[in-house]
Amino acid sequence: LTTQFAVNRGHTKNYKRLFSQLGRDKDEPFFTLSYRVNRLTKQAHPTFRKPELDELAKEKFLEIIPDDLEKVMWVGITHINLFILKVFLMYLFV
């Protein structure tokens, strides 16, 4: 039993390291990124309750995407009108 917990603790430690280094792969869709963030959040913090996991995953996702979101905004400003861009951003943060 002690060995099993030591192995699990080791896995959790590795997952926490991966979680802290998590980033978006080039051209990775946001949906895929959100799935990876959610999965790794659960693996890195197996004792957290669902509300805590959801909050941590949300914070990590928002930490990863600002540069990409800025690019989306720039494309939106140059290629579509401002109203459509505002609607798009509102949809992202709902």
C-alpha atoms as a PDB file:
ATOM      1  CA  LEU A   1       0.000   0.000   0.000  1.00  0.00           C
ATOM      2  CA  THR A   2       2.822   2.412   0.845  1.00  0.00           C
ATOM      3  CA  THR A   3       4.483   1.657  -2.485  1.00  0.00           C
ATOM      4  CA  GLN A   4       1.237   2.271  -4.358  1.00  0.00           C
ATOM      5  CA  PHE A   5       0.776   5.673  -2.701  1.00  0.00           C
ATOM      6  CA  ALA A   6       4.395   6.580  -3.394  1.00  0.00           C
ATOM      7  CA  VAL A   7       3.911   5.763  -7.082  1.00  0.00           C
ATOM      8  CA  ASN A   8       0.653   7.746  -7.188  1.00  0.00           C
ATOM      9  CA  ARG A   9       2.361  10.666  -5.461  1.00  0.00           C
ATOM     10  CA  GLY A  10       5.121  10.478  -8.053  1.00  0.00           C
ATOM     11  CA  HIS A  11       2.601  10.522 -10.894  1.00  0.00           C
ATOM     12  CA  THR A  12       0.783  13.470  -9.349  1.00  0.00           C
ATOM     13  CA  LYS A  13       4.058  15.341  -9.009  1.00  0.00           C
ATOM     14  CA  ASN A  14       4.815  14.744 -12.707  1.00  0.00           C
ATOM     15  CA  TYR A  15       1.315  15.868 -13.690  1.00  0.00           C
ATOM     16  CA  LYS A  16       1.729  19.044 -11.626  1.00  0.00           C
ATOM     17  CA  ARG A  17       4.993  19.767 -13.446  1.00  0.00           C
ATOM     18  CA  LEU A  18       3.303  19.206 -16.813  1.00  0.00           C
ATOM     19  CA  PHE A  19       0.382  21.379 -15.719  1.00  0.00           C
ATOM     20  CA  SER A  20       2.681  24.271 -14.814  1.00  0.00           C
ATOM     21  CA  GLN A  21       4.438  24.010 -18.207  1.00  0.00           C
ATOM     22  CA  LEU A  22       1.244  23.601 -20.214  1.00  0.00           C
ATOM     23  CA  GLY A  23       0.936  25.719 -23.336  1.00  0.00           C
ATOM     24  CA  ARG A  24      -0.933  25.803 -26.597  1.00  0.00           C
ATOM     25  CA  ASP A  25       0.528  23.811 -29.484  1.00  0.00           C
ATOM     26  CA  LYS A  26       0.921  25.628 -32.775  1.00  0.00           C
ATOM     27  CA  ASP A  27      -2.435  25.737 -34.607  1.00  0.00           C
ATOM     28  CA  GLU A  28      -4.130  23.779 -31.797  1.00  0.00           C
ATOM     29  CA  PRO A  29      -7.868  24.487 -31.701  1.00  0.00           C
ATOM     30  CA  PHE A  30      -9.125  26.111 -28.498  1.00  0.00           C
ATOM     31  CA  PHE A  31     -11.489  23.172 -27.953  1.00  0.00           C
ATOM     32  CA  THR A  32      -8.574  20.710 -27.953  1.00  0.00           C
ATOM     33  CA  LEU A  33      -6.583  22.962 -25.648  1.00  0.00           C
ATOM     34  CA  SER A  34      -9.489  23.193 -23.204  1.00  0.00           C
ATOM     35  CA  TYR A  35      -9.795  19.404 -23.194  1.00  0.00           C
ATOM     36  CA  ARG A  36      -6.065  19.013 -22.439  1.00  0.00           C
ATOM     37  CA  VAL A  37      -6.230  21.638 -19.686  1.00  0.00           C
ATOM     38  CA  ASN A  38      -9.233  19.939 -18.040  1.00  0.00           C
ATOM     39  CA  ARG A  39      -7.698  16.478 -18.225  1.00  0.00           C
ATOM     40  CA  LEU A  40      -4.327  17.573 -16.864  1.00  0.00           C
ATOM     41  CA  THR A  41      -5.975  19.619 -14.107  1.00  0.00           C
ATOM     42  CA  LYS A  42      -7.746  16.490 -12.849  1.00  0.00           C
ATOM     43  CA  GLN A  43      -4.547  14.432 -13.063  1.00  0.00           C
ATOM     44  CA  ALA A  44      -2.424  17.040 -11.280  1.00  0.00           C
ATOM     45  CA  HIS A  45      -4.962  17.653  -8.513  1.00  0.00           C
ATOM     46  CA  PRO A  46      -6.815  14.372  -7.907  1.00  0.00           C
ATOM     47  CA  THR A  47      -8.069  15.397  -4.460  1.00  0.00           C
ATOM     48  CA  PHE A  48      -9.709  18.661  -5.569  1.00  0.00           C
ATOM     49  CA  ARG A  49     -13.487  18.880  -5.771  1.00  0.00           C
ATOM     50  CA  LYS A  50     -15.205  19.712  -9.068  1.00  0.00           C
ATOM     51  CA  PRO A  51     -15.695  23.448  -8.378  1.00  0.00           C
ATOM     52  CA  GLU A  52     -12.008  23.804  -7.482  1.00  0.00           C
ATOM     53  CA  LEU A  53     -10.949  21.844 -10.567  1.00  0.00           C
ATOM     54  CA  ASP A  54     -13.203  23.939 -12.805  1.00  0.00           C
ATOM     55  CA  GLU A  55     -11.810  27.197 -11.421  1.00  0.00           C
ATOM     56  CA  LEU A  56      -8.205  26.038 -11.724  1.00  0.00           C
ATOM     57  CA  ALA A  57      -8.757  24.818 -15.291  1.00  0.00           C
ATOM     58  CA  LYS A  58     -10.436  28.098 -16.239  1.00  0.00           C
ATOM     59  CA  GLU A  59      -7.558  30.138 -14.789  1.00  0.00           C
ATOM     60  CA  LYS A  60      -4.975  28.002 -16.591  1.00  0.00           C
ATOM     61  CA  PHE A  61      -6.848  28.235 -19.903  1.00  0.00           C
ATOM     62  CA  LEU A  62      -7.064  32.024 -19.614  1.00  0.00           C
ATOM     63  CA  GLU A  63      -3.379  32.168 -18.696  1.00  0.00           C
ATOM     64  CA  ILE A  64      -2.461  30.315 -21.889  1.00  0.00           C
ATOM     65  CA  ILE A  65      -4.582  32.135 -24.460  1.00  0.00           C
ATOM     66  CA  PRO A  66      -3.945  35.900 -24.184  1.00  0.00           C
ATOM     67  CA  ASP A  67      -1.438  36.112 -27.045  1.00  0.00           C
ATOM     68  CA  ASP A  68      -3.694  34.076 -29.290  1.00  0.00           C
ATOM     69  CA  LEU A  69      -6.703  36.131 -28.310  1.00  0.00           C
ATOM     70  CA  GLU A  70      -4.806  39.298 -29.174  1.00  0.00           C
ATOM     71  CA  LYS A  71      -4.107  37.892 -32.644  1.00  0.00           C
ATOM     72  CA  VAL A  72      -7.795  37.067 -33.079  1.00  0.00           C
ATOM     73  CA  MET A  73      -8.698  40.595 -32.069  1.00  0.00           C
ATOM     74  CA  TRP A  74      -6.227  42.093 -34.551  1.00  0.00           C
ATOM     75  CA  VAL A  75      -7.591  39.979 -37.395  1.00  0.00           C
ATOM     76  CA  GLY A  76     -11.108  40.928 -36.325  1.00  0.00           C
ATOM     77  CA  ILE A  77     -10.355  44.629 -36.327  1.00  0.00           C
ATOM     78  CA  THR A  78      -8.743  44.563 -39.738  1.00  0.00           C
ATOM     79  CA  HIS A  79     -11.164  42.201 -41.483  1.00  0.00           C
ATOM     80  CA  ILE A  80     -14.608  42.629 -39.953  1.00  0.00           C
ATOM     81  CA  ASN A  81     -16.507  45.457 -38.382  1.00  0.00           C
ATOM     82  CA  LEU A  82     -16.173  46.241 -34.693  1.00  0.00           C
ATOM     83  CA  PHE A  83     -19.702  45.116 -33.804  1.00  0.00           C
ATOM     84  CA  ILE A  84     -19.098  41.568 -35.022  1.00  0.00           C
ATOM     85  CA  LEU A  85     -15.811  41.489 -33.115  1.00  0.00           C
ATOM     86  CA  LYS A  86     -17.554  42.507 -29.879  1.00  0.00           C
ATOM     87  CA  VAL A  87     -20.161  39.775 -30.331  1.00  0.00           C
ATOM     88  CA  PHE A  88     -17.392  37.232 -30.964  1.00  0.00           C
ATOM     89  CA  LEU A  89     -15.482  38.266 -27.802  1.00  0.00           C
ATOM     90  CA  MET A  90     -18.658  38.147 -25.727  1.00  0.00           C
ATOM     91  CA  TYR A  91     -19.256  34.614 -27.002  1.00  0.00           C
ATOM     92  CA  LEU A  92     -15.716  33.553 -26.000  1.00  0.00           C
ATOM     93  CA  PHE A  93     -16.155  34.696 -22.405  1.00  0.00           C
ATOM     94  CA  VAL A  94     -19.642  33.321 -21.759  1.00  0.00           C
END
